[in-house]
Amino acid sequence: HQWAGWRTTPPPNLRVVQTAGSLIGLWTAGAGLIALVAASLSVFLRLDGPTIAGSPTGELVRAGALFVVGLLPWLLNWWRTLRPAPRGTLWLGYVLLAGVGAGLATALAAASMLGYDVLVWLLGDTRGATASRHFADTPELVGAIVVGALVWWYHRTSLDAGAAATGPGARS
């Protein structure tokens, strides 16, 4: 799509297409990395019994494949093309909304859900659920916290680098 994009899309619209590709790649890679962290935690904590979806090794492979499928377009569109591009409205919108905002929201939402589960376990009514059933979503929540924080941190750092490159007015 890079070859066709440069030949068929006018330059202002090409940035929009590259930003959309970067956004889709970021979301796909993030979802794959969350699943990869969750599957790894499940295997590490020996929560890897038989599941409806299949074996734990199959979960690791599927999560790793989803991560790679998302990482490739993100690297191609963001890292190679948009990251060094001029810091315009589209660039700032992508970094602030998709990177900083979505990463922070993901990490905070997952952390609050995990905190709620812990508080219900300690103080509330679990309705007879065992610990393994009550905390069944913990690997996914930990994965979302880790990946959300990583996405937030990376894009926050990119925003700082962009502000240093364009001057103090870019962060106002």
N, C-alpha and C. Protein backbone atom coordinates (compact mmCIF):
# COMPACT_ATOMS: atom_id res chain seq x y z
N HIS A 1 0.82 -1.19 0.00
CA HIS A 1 0.00 0.00 0.00
C HIS A 1 0.86 1.25 0.00
N GLN A 2 2.11 1.12 0.47
CA GLN A 2 3.01 2.28 0.43
C GLN A 2 3.31 2.68 -1.02
N TRP A 3 3.58 1.68 -1.85
CA TRP A 3 3.90 1.96 -3.26
C TRP A 3 2.73 2.62 -3.95
N ALA A 4 1.52 2.07 -3.75
CA ALA A 4 0.34 2.63 -4.40
C ALA A 4 -0.04 3.98 -3.79
N GLY A 5 0.16 4.13 -2.50
CA GLY A 5 -0.21 5.37 -1.85
C GLY A 5 0.55 6.57 -2.37
N TRP A 6 1.85 6.42 -2.56
CA TRP A 6 2.66 7.54 -3.05
C TRP A 6 2.31 7.91 -4.49
N ARG A 7 1.79 6.96 -5.27
CA ARG A 7 1.50 7.21 -6.67
C ARG A 7 0.06 7.65 -6.93
N THR A 8 -0.85 7.36 -6.02
CA THR A 8 -2.26 7.63 -6.29
C THR A 8 -2.90 8.64 -5.35
N THR A 9 -2.25 8.94 -4.23
CA THR A 9 -2.86 9.81 -3.23
C THR A 9 -2.11 11.13 -3.17
N PRO A 10 -2.83 12.26 -3.23
CA PRO A 10 -2.16 13.56 -3.10
C PRO A 10 -1.49 13.67 -1.73
N PRO A 11 -0.36 14.38 -1.63
CA PRO A 11 0.40 14.45 -0.38
C PRO A 11 -0.41 14.84 0.87
N PRO A 12 -1.33 15.83 0.82
CA PRO A 12 -2.06 16.11 2.07
C PRO A 12 -2.93 14.93 2.52
N ASN A 13 -3.53 14.25 1.57
CA ASN A 13 -4.36 13.09 1.90
C ASN A 13 -3.53 11.88 2.29
N LEU A 14 -2.30 11.83 1.79
CA LEU A 14 -1.42 10.71 2.11
C LEU A 14 -1.13 10.68 3.61
N ARG A 15 -0.95 11.82 4.23
CA ARG A 15 -0.72 11.88 5.68
C ARG A 15 -1.93 11.31 6.45
N VAL A 16 -3.13 11.58 5.96
CA VAL A 16 -4.33 11.05 6.61
C VAL A 16 -4.35 9.53 6.49
N VAL A 17 -4.03 9.00 5.32
CA VAL A 17 -4.00 7.56 5.10
C VAL A 17 -2.93 6.91 5.98
N GLN A 18 -1.76 7.54 6.05
CA GLN A 18 -0.68 7.00 6.88
C GLN A 18 -1.04 7.05 8.37
N THR A 19 -1.72 8.11 8.78
CA THR A 19 -2.15 8.22 10.18
C THR A 19 -3.18 7.15 10.49
N ALA A 20 -4.11 6.92 9.58
CA ALA A 20 -5.11 5.86 9.78
C ALA A 20 -4.44 4.49 9.85
N GLY A 21 -3.48 4.24 8.98
CA GLY A 21 -2.74 2.98 9.03
C GLY A 21 -1.96 2.82 10.32
N SER A 22 -1.39 3.91 10.79
CA SER A 22 -0.67 3.88 12.05
C SER A 22 -1.60 3.61 13.22
N LEU A 23 -2.76 4.23 13.19
CA LEU A 23 -3.74 4.04 14.25
C LEU A 23 -4.26 2.60 14.28
N ILE A 24 -4.58 2.06 13.13
CA ILE A 24 -5.05 0.68 13.06
C ILE A 24 -3.95 -0.28 13.51
N GLY A 25 -2.73 -0.01 13.09
CA GLY A 25 -1.61 -0.84 13.51
C GLY A 25 -1.37 -0.76 15.01
N LEU A 26 -1.48 0.44 15.59
CA LEU A 26 -1.29 0.61 17.03
C LEU A 26 -2.35 -0.15 17.81
N TRP A 27 -3.60 -0.04 17.40
CA TRP A 27 -4.68 -0.74 18.10
C TRP A 27 -4.54 -2.25 17.98
N THR A 28 -4.20 -2.72 16.80
CA THR A 28 -4.04 -4.16 16.60
C THR A 28 -2.85 -4.70 17.38
N ALA A 29 -1.72 -3.99 17.32
CA ALA A 29 -0.54 -4.41 18.07
C ALA A 29 -0.81 -4.35 19.57
N GLY A 30 -1.53 -3.33 20.01
CA GLY A 30 -1.86 -3.22 21.43
C GLY A 30 -2.74 -4.37 21.90
N ALA A 31 -3.75 -4.70 21.11
CA ALA A 31 -4.62 -5.83 21.46
C ALA A 31 -3.83 -7.13 21.47
N GLY A 32 -2.94 -7.30 20.51
CA GLY A 32 -2.11 -8.51 20.48
C GLY A 32 -1.15 -8.58 21.66
N LEU A 33 -0.59 -7.42 22.05
CA LEU A 33 0.34 -7.41 23.17
C LEU A 33 -0.39 -7.65 24.50
N ILE A 34 -1.59 -7.10 24.62
CA ILE A 34 -2.40 -7.38 25.82
C ILE A 34 -2.68 -8.89 25.91
N ALA A 35 -3.09 -9.49 24.80
CA ALA A 35 -3.36 -10.93 24.79
C ALA A 35 -2.09 -11.74 25.04
N LEU A 36 -0.96 -11.26 24.54
CA LEU A 36 0.31 -11.96 24.74
C LEU A 36 0.73 -11.91 26.21
N VAL A 37 0.60 -10.74 26.83
CA VAL A 37 0.92 -10.63 28.26
C VAL A 37 -0.02 -11.51 29.08
N ALA A 38 -1.32 -11.48 28.75
CA ALA A 38 -2.29 -12.29 29.49
C ALA A 38 -2.01 -13.78 29.34
N ALA A 39 -1.73 -14.22 28.13
CA ALA A 39 -1.44 -15.64 27.91
C ALA A 39 -0.14 -16.04 28.60
N SER A 40 0.85 -15.16 28.57
CA SER A 40 2.12 -15.45 29.25
C SER A 40 1.92 -15.54 30.76
N LEU A 41 1.14 -14.62 31.32
CA LEU A 41 0.85 -14.68 32.75
C LEU A 41 0.09 -15.95 33.11
N SER A 42 -0.85 -16.33 32.28
CA SER A 42 -1.62 -17.55 32.54
C SER A 42 -0.72 -18.77 32.55
N VAL A 43 0.21 -18.83 31.62
CA VAL A 43 1.14 -19.96 31.58
C VAL A 43 2.08 -19.89 32.78
N PHE A 44 2.60 -18.70 33.07
CA PHE A 44 3.55 -18.54 34.16
C PHE A 44 2.92 -18.85 35.52
N LEU A 45 1.67 -18.42 35.71
CA LEU A 45 0.99 -18.65 36.97
C LEU A 45 0.25 -19.98 37.01
N ARG A 46 0.44 -20.78 35.98
CA ARG A 46 -0.17 -22.10 35.87
C ARG A 46 -1.69 -22.02 35.87
N LEU A 47 -2.21 -21.01 35.22
CA LEU A 47 -3.65 -20.91 35.00
C LEU A 47 -3.98 -21.45 33.62
N ASP A 48 -3.11 -22.28 33.09
CA ASP A 48 -3.14 -22.67 31.69
C ASP A 48 -3.85 -24.00 31.44
N GLY A 49 -4.93 -24.24 32.14
CA GLY A 49 -5.69 -25.46 31.89
C GLY A 49 -6.37 -25.40 30.54
N PRO A 50 -7.05 -26.46 30.16
CA PRO A 50 -7.74 -26.45 28.87
C PRO A 50 -8.82 -25.37 28.83
N THR A 51 -8.90 -24.69 27.72
CA THR A 51 -9.89 -23.63 27.55
C THR A 51 -10.73 -23.91 26.32
N ILE A 52 -11.76 -23.13 26.15
CA ILE A 52 -12.61 -23.27 24.98
C ILE A 52 -11.82 -22.95 23.71
N ALA A 53 -10.94 -21.95 23.81
CA ALA A 53 -10.19 -21.50 22.63
C ALA A 53 -9.07 -22.45 22.25
N GLY A 54 -8.64 -23.31 23.15
CA GLY A 54 -7.59 -24.25 22.81
C GLY A 54 -6.49 -24.27 23.84
N SER A 55 -5.33 -24.74 23.43
CA SER A 55 -4.21 -24.91 24.35
C SER A 55 -3.56 -23.56 24.65
N PRO A 56 -2.84 -23.47 25.77
CA PRO A 56 -2.17 -22.23 26.11
C PRO A 56 -1.11 -21.85 25.08
N THR A 57 -0.45 -22.85 24.50
CA THR A 57 0.54 -22.56 23.47
C THR A 57 -0.13 -21.93 22.26
N GLY A 58 -1.31 -22.42 21.91
CA GLY A 58 -2.05 -21.83 20.80
C GLY A 58 -2.45 -20.40 21.10
N GLU A 59 -2.81 -20.10 22.35
CA GLU A 59 -3.13 -18.72 22.73
C GLU A 59 -1.91 -17.82 22.58
N LEU A 60 -0.75 -18.31 22.99
CA LEU A 60 0.48 -17.52 22.84
C LEU A 60 0.78 -17.25 21.37
N VAL A 61 0.62 -18.26 20.54
CA VAL A 61 0.90 -18.10 19.11
C VAL A 61 -0.08 -17.12 18.48
N ARG A 62 -1.38 -17.26 18.79
CA ARG A 62 -2.38 -16.34 18.23
C ARG A 62 -2.12 -14.90 18.69
N ALA A 63 -1.81 -14.72 19.97
CA ALA A 63 -1.55 -13.38 20.49
C ALA A 63 -0.29 -12.79 19.85
N GLY A 64 0.74 -13.62 19.72
CA GLY A 64 1.97 -13.15 19.08
C GLY A 64 1.75 -12.78 17.62
N ALA A 65 0.94 -13.56 16.93
CA ALA A 65 0.65 -13.26 15.52
C ALA A 65 -0.14 -11.95 15.40
N LEU A 66 -1.11 -11.74 16.28
CA LEU A 66 -1.88 -10.49 16.25
C LEU A 66 -0.98 -9.30 16.53
N PHE A 67 -0.05 -9.46 17.48
CA PHE A 67 0.89 -8.38 17.78
C PHE A 67 1.76 -8.06 16.57
N VAL A 68 2.29 -9.06 15.91
CA VAL A 68 3.16 -8.83 14.74
C VAL A 68 2.37 -8.22 13.59
N VAL A 69 1.13 -8.69 13.38
CA VAL A 69 0.29 -8.15 12.31
C VAL A 69 0.01 -6.67 12.53
N GLY A 70 -0.15 -6.25 13.76
CA GLY A 70 -0.36 -4.83 14.05
C GLY A 70 0.93 -4.03 14.07
N LEU A 71 2.01 -4.67 14.53
CA LEU A 71 3.28 -3.96 14.65
C LEU A 71 3.85 -3.55 13.29
N LEU A 72 3.70 -4.39 12.29
CA LEU A 72 4.27 -4.08 10.98
C LEU A 72 3.69 -2.80 10.37
N PRO A 73 2.37 -2.63 10.28
CA PRO A 73 1.88 -1.36 9.73
C PRO A 73 2.16 -0.17 10.63
N TRP A 74 2.21 -0.38 11.94
CA TRP A 74 2.53 0.73 12.83
C TRP A 74 3.96 1.19 12.59
N LEU A 75 4.87 0.24 12.49
CA LEU A 75 6.27 0.61 12.23
C LEU A 75 6.42 1.29 10.88
N LEU A 76 5.74 0.77 9.88
CA LEU A 76 5.85 1.33 8.54
C LEU A 76 5.25 2.72 8.46
N ASN A 77 4.07 2.91 9.05
CA ASN A 77 3.39 4.19 8.94
C ASN A 77 3.85 5.20 9.97
N TRP A 78 4.02 4.79 11.22
CA TRP A 78 4.38 5.75 12.25
C TRP A 78 5.89 5.93 12.35
N TRP A 79 6.59 4.86 12.65
CA TRP A 79 8.00 4.97 12.96
C TRP A 79 8.81 5.48 11.78
N ARG A 80 8.50 4.98 10.60
CA ARG A 80 9.29 5.33 9.43
C ARG A 80 8.86 6.64 8.79
N THR A 81 7.53 6.92 8.79
CA THR A 81 7.03 8.04 8.02
C THR A 81 6.55 9.21 8.86
N LEU A 82 5.67 8.95 9.82
CA LEU A 82 5.02 10.05 10.54
C LEU A 82 5.81 10.58 11.72
N ARG A 83 6.54 9.72 12.41
CA ARG A 83 7.29 10.17 13.58
C ARG A 83 8.24 11.31 13.26
N PRO A 84 9.02 11.22 12.17
CA PRO A 84 9.91 12.34 11.87
C PRO A 84 9.23 13.49 11.08
N ALA A 85 7.94 13.35 10.78
CA ALA A 85 7.22 14.36 9.99
C ALA A 85 7.02 15.64 10.80
N PRO A 86 6.69 16.73 10.12
CA PRO A 86 6.41 17.98 10.84
C PRO A 86 5.26 17.80 11.82
N ARG A 87 5.35 18.48 12.95
CA ARG A 87 4.36 18.34 14.02
C ARG A 87 3.18 19.26 13.76
N GLY A 88 2.27 18.79 12.94
CA GLY A 88 1.07 19.56 12.62
C GLY A 88 -0.11 19.09 13.45
N THR A 89 -1.29 19.54 13.06
CA THR A 89 -2.51 19.19 13.79
C THR A 89 -2.77 17.69 13.75
N LEU A 90 -2.59 17.06 12.60
CA LEU A 90 -2.82 15.62 12.47
C LEU A 90 -1.86 14.83 13.35
N TRP A 91 -0.59 15.23 13.33
CA TRP A 91 0.42 14.55 14.14
C TRP A 91 0.09 14.68 15.63
N LEU A 92 -0.21 15.88 16.06
CA LEU A 92 -0.54 16.11 17.47
C LEU A 92 -1.83 15.40 17.86
N GLY A 93 -2.81 15.38 16.97
CA GLY A 93 -4.05 14.67 17.25
C GLY A 93 -3.82 13.18 17.44
N TYR A 94 -3.00 12.61 16.59
CA TYR A 94 -2.69 11.19 16.71
C TYR A 94 -1.96 10.91 18.02
N VAL A 95 -0.92 11.68 18.29
CA VAL A 95 -0.12 11.42 19.49
C VAL A 95 -0.93 11.66 20.75
N LEU A 96 -1.68 12.76 20.79
CA LEU A 96 -2.44 13.08 22.00
C LEU A 96 -3.64 12.16 22.20
N LEU A 97 -4.42 11.94 21.16
CA LEU A 97 -5.65 11.15 21.31
C LEU A 97 -5.38 9.66 21.30
N ALA A 98 -4.68 9.17 20.28
CA ALA A 98 -4.48 7.73 20.14
C ALA A 98 -3.39 7.21 21.06
N GLY A 99 -2.38 8.00 21.29
CA GLY A 99 -1.27 7.54 22.11
C GLY A 99 -1.43 7.87 23.57
N VAL A 100 -1.36 9.15 23.88
CA VAL A 100 -1.40 9.58 25.28
C VAL A 100 -2.77 9.31 25.90
N GLY A 101 -3.83 9.77 25.25
CA GLY A 101 -5.18 9.63 25.81
C GLY A 101 -5.66 8.20 25.90
N ALA A 102 -5.58 7.47 24.81
CA ALA A 102 -6.07 6.08 24.80
C ALA A 102 -5.21 5.18 25.67
N GLY A 103 -3.90 5.40 25.67
CA GLY A 103 -3.02 4.60 26.52
C GLY A 103 -3.31 4.82 28.00
N LEU A 104 -3.46 6.08 28.38
CA LEU A 104 -3.76 6.40 29.78
C LEU A 104 -5.14 5.88 30.18
N ALA A 105 -6.13 6.04 29.31
CA ALA A 105 -7.48 5.56 29.61
C ALA A 105 -7.50 4.04 29.75
N THR A 106 -6.78 3.34 28.91
CA THR A 106 -6.72 1.89 28.99
C THR A 106 -6.09 1.43 30.30
N ALA A 107 -4.96 2.03 30.65
CA ALA A 107 -4.27 1.65 31.88
C ALA A 107 -5.12 1.97 33.11
N LEU A 108 -5.73 3.15 33.14
CA LEU A 108 -6.53 3.53 34.30
C LEU A 108 -7.80 2.69 34.43
N ALA A 109 -8.46 2.42 33.32
CA ALA A 109 -9.68 1.61 33.37
C ALA A 109 -9.37 0.20 33.84
N ALA A 110 -8.31 -0.40 33.32
CA ALA A 110 -7.94 -1.75 33.74
C ALA A 110 -7.51 -1.78 35.20
N ALA A 111 -6.77 -0.77 35.63
CA ALA A 111 -6.34 -0.71 37.04
C ALA A 111 -7.55 -0.55 37.97
N SER A 112 -8.52 0.25 37.55
CA SER A 112 -9.70 0.42 38.41
C SER A 112 -10.53 -0.86 38.47
N MET A 113 -10.62 -1.58 37.36
CA MET A 113 -11.35 -2.85 37.36
C MET A 113 -10.64 -3.88 38.25
N LEU A 114 -9.33 -3.92 38.18
CA LEU A 114 -8.57 -4.84 39.02
C LEU A 114 -8.71 -4.45 40.49
N GLY A 115 -8.64 -3.17 40.77
CA GLY A 115 -8.83 -2.71 42.14
C GLY A 115 -10.21 -3.05 42.67
N TYR A 116 -11.22 -2.90 41.82
CA TYR A 116 -12.58 -3.26 42.21
C TYR A 116 -12.68 -4.75 42.54
N ASP A 117 -12.06 -5.59 41.69
CA ASP A 117 -12.08 -7.03 41.96
C ASP A 117 -11.43 -7.35 43.30
N VAL A 118 -10.32 -6.70 43.59
CA VAL A 118 -9.63 -6.95 44.86
C VAL A 118 -10.50 -6.49 46.03
N LEU A 119 -11.10 -5.31 45.91
CA LEU A 119 -11.95 -4.81 46.99
C LEU A 119 -13.18 -5.70 47.22
N VAL A 120 -13.79 -6.16 46.14
CA VAL A 120 -14.93 -7.07 46.30
C VAL A 120 -14.49 -8.35 46.97
N TRP A 121 -13.32 -8.86 46.60
CA TRP A 121 -12.82 -10.09 47.21
C TRP A 121 -12.57 -9.90 48.71
N LEU A 122 -12.01 -8.74 49.07
CA LEU A 122 -11.67 -8.50 50.47
C LEU A 122 -12.86 -8.07 51.31
N LEU A 123 -13.73 -7.23 50.75
CA LEU A 123 -14.78 -6.61 51.55
C LEU A 123 -16.20 -6.94 51.12
N GLY A 124 -16.38 -7.37 49.90
CA GLY A 124 -17.73 -7.53 49.36
C GLY A 124 -18.21 -8.96 49.33
N ASP A 125 -19.28 -9.14 48.59
CA ASP A 125 -19.91 -10.45 48.44
C ASP A 125 -19.49 -11.05 47.10
N THR A 126 -18.76 -12.13 47.15
CA THR A 126 -18.30 -12.79 45.92
C THR A 126 -19.31 -13.80 45.40
N ARG A 127 -20.43 -13.94 46.10
CA ARG A 127 -21.51 -14.86 45.72
C ARG A 127 -21.01 -16.29 45.57
N GLY A 128 -20.11 -16.65 46.46
CA GLY A 128 -19.63 -18.03 46.49
C GLY A 128 -18.59 -18.38 45.45
N ALA A 129 -18.08 -17.41 44.70
CA ALA A 129 -17.09 -17.70 43.67
C ALA A 129 -15.75 -18.05 44.30
N THR A 130 -15.06 -18.97 43.70
CA THR A 130 -13.71 -19.29 44.16
C THR A 130 -12.77 -18.18 43.70
N ALA A 131 -11.58 -18.16 44.28
CA ALA A 131 -10.59 -17.13 43.91
C ALA A 131 -10.23 -17.23 42.43
N SER A 132 -10.07 -18.44 41.93
CA SER A 132 -9.69 -18.57 40.51
C SER A 132 -10.81 -18.08 39.59
N ARG A 133 -12.04 -18.28 39.97
CA ARG A 133 -13.15 -17.79 39.15
C ARG A 133 -13.30 -16.28 39.30
N HIS A 134 -13.17 -15.78 40.53
CA HIS A 134 -13.33 -14.34 40.78
C HIS A 134 -12.25 -13.53 40.07
N PHE A 135 -11.03 -14.03 40.07
CA PHE A 135 -9.91 -13.30 39.46
C PHE A 135 -9.55 -13.84 38.08
N ALA A 136 -10.51 -14.42 37.39
CA ALA A 136 -10.24 -15.02 36.07
C ALA A 136 -9.78 -13.99 35.04
N ASP A 137 -10.22 -12.75 35.17
CA ASP A 137 -9.85 -11.71 34.20
C ASP A 137 -8.55 -10.99 34.55
N THR A 138 -7.92 -11.37 35.64
CA THR A 138 -6.72 -10.66 36.10
C THR A 138 -5.59 -10.65 35.07
N PRO A 139 -5.27 -11.74 34.38
CA PRO A 139 -4.19 -11.66 33.39
C PRO A 139 -4.48 -10.63 32.28
N GLU A 140 -5.72 -10.56 31.80
CA GLU A 140 -6.06 -9.58 30.78
C GLU A 140 -5.98 -8.16 31.33
N LEU A 141 -6.42 -7.98 32.57
CA LEU A 141 -6.36 -6.65 33.17
C LEU A 141 -4.92 -6.20 33.38
N VAL A 142 -4.07 -7.11 33.83
CA VAL A 142 -2.65 -6.77 34.00
C VAL A 142 -2.03 -6.45 32.64
N GLY A 143 -2.38 -7.23 31.62
CA GLY A 143 -1.89 -6.93 30.27
C GLY A 143 -2.33 -5.56 29.80
N ALA A 144 -3.59 -5.20 30.05
CA ALA A 144 -4.09 -3.89 29.64
C ALA A 144 -3.40 -2.77 30.41
N ILE A 145 -3.12 -2.99 31.69
CA ILE A 145 -2.39 -1.98 32.46
C ILE A 145 -0.99 -1.78 31.89
N VAL A 146 -0.29 -2.87 31.65
CA VAL A 146 1.08 -2.79 31.14
C VAL A 146 1.12 -2.15 29.76
N VAL A 147 0.28 -2.61 28.85
CA VAL A 147 0.30 -2.09 27.48
C VAL A 147 -0.21 -0.65 27.44
N GLY A 148 -1.26 -0.34 28.18
CA GLY A 148 -1.75 1.04 28.23
C GLY A 148 -0.69 1.99 28.75
N ALA A 149 0.00 1.59 29.81
CA ALA A 149 1.07 2.43 30.36
C ALA A 149 2.23 2.57 29.37
N LEU A 150 2.55 1.50 28.67
CA LEU A 150 3.63 1.55 27.68
C LEU A 150 3.27 2.48 26.52
N VAL A 151 2.05 2.36 26.02
CA VAL A 151 1.60 3.23 24.92
C VAL A 151 1.57 4.69 25.39
N TRP A 152 1.05 4.91 26.59
CA TRP A 152 1.03 6.27 27.14
C TRP A 152 2.44 6.82 27.27
N TRP A 153 3.34 6.07 27.86
CA TRP A 153 4.71 6.53 28.08
C TRP A 153 5.41 6.84 26.75
N TYR A 154 5.31 5.92 25.79
CA TYR A 154 5.99 6.15 24.50
C TYR A 154 5.49 7.41 23.82
N HIS A 155 4.17 7.57 23.74
CA HIS A 155 3.63 8.73 23.03
C HIS A 155 3.84 10.02 23.82
N ARG A 156 3.87 9.94 25.12
CA ARG A 156 4.19 11.11 25.95
C ARG A 156 5.62 11.54 25.68
N THR A 157 6.52 10.57 25.56
CA THR A 157 7.91 10.87 25.23
C THR A 157 8.01 11.47 23.82
N SER A 158 7.23 10.93 22.88
CA SER A 158 7.22 11.49 21.52
C SER A 158 6.70 12.91 21.52
N LEU A 159 5.71 13.18 22.35
CA LEU A 159 5.17 14.53 22.45
C LEU A 159 6.22 15.48 23.00
N ASP A 160 6.97 15.04 24.00
CA ASP A 160 8.05 15.87 24.54
C ASP A 160 9.12 16.13 23.50
N ALA A 161 9.48 15.10 22.74
CA ALA A 161 10.47 15.26 21.68
C ALA A 161 9.95 16.20 20.60
N GLY A 162 8.67 16.10 20.28
CA GLY A 162 8.07 17.00 19.30
C GLY A 162 8.03 18.43 19.79
N ALA A 163 7.78 18.63 21.08
CA ALA A 163 7.75 19.97 21.64
C ALA A 163 9.15 20.58 21.64
N ALA A 164 10.15 19.77 21.92
CA ALA A 164 11.53 20.28 21.90
C ALA A 164 11.95 20.66 20.48
N ALA A 165 11.44 19.91 19.48
CA ALA A 165 11.81 20.19 18.10
C ALA A 165 11.10 21.41 17.55
N THR A 166 9.88 21.68 17.99
CA THR A 166 9.12 22.78 17.41
C THR A 166 9.09 24.02 18.28
N GLY A 167 9.56 23.93 19.50
CA GLY A 167 9.57 25.10 20.37
C GLY A 167 8.51 25.01 21.45
N PRO A 168 8.50 25.97 22.36
CA PRO A 168 7.63 25.89 23.52
C PRO A 168 6.15 26.05 23.22
N GLY A 169 5.76 26.61 22.11
CA GLY A 169 4.35 26.83 21.80
C GLY A 169 3.58 25.57 21.48
N ALA A 170 4.27 24.48 21.18
CA ALA A 170 3.58 23.25 20.76
C ALA A 170 2.87 22.57 21.92
N ARG A 171 3.27 22.83 23.16
CA ARG A 171 2.65 22.14 24.30
C ARG A 171 1.64 23.00 25.01
N SER A 172 1.39 24.20 24.54
CA SER A 172 0.45 25.10 25.23
C SER A 172 -0.97 24.65 25.12
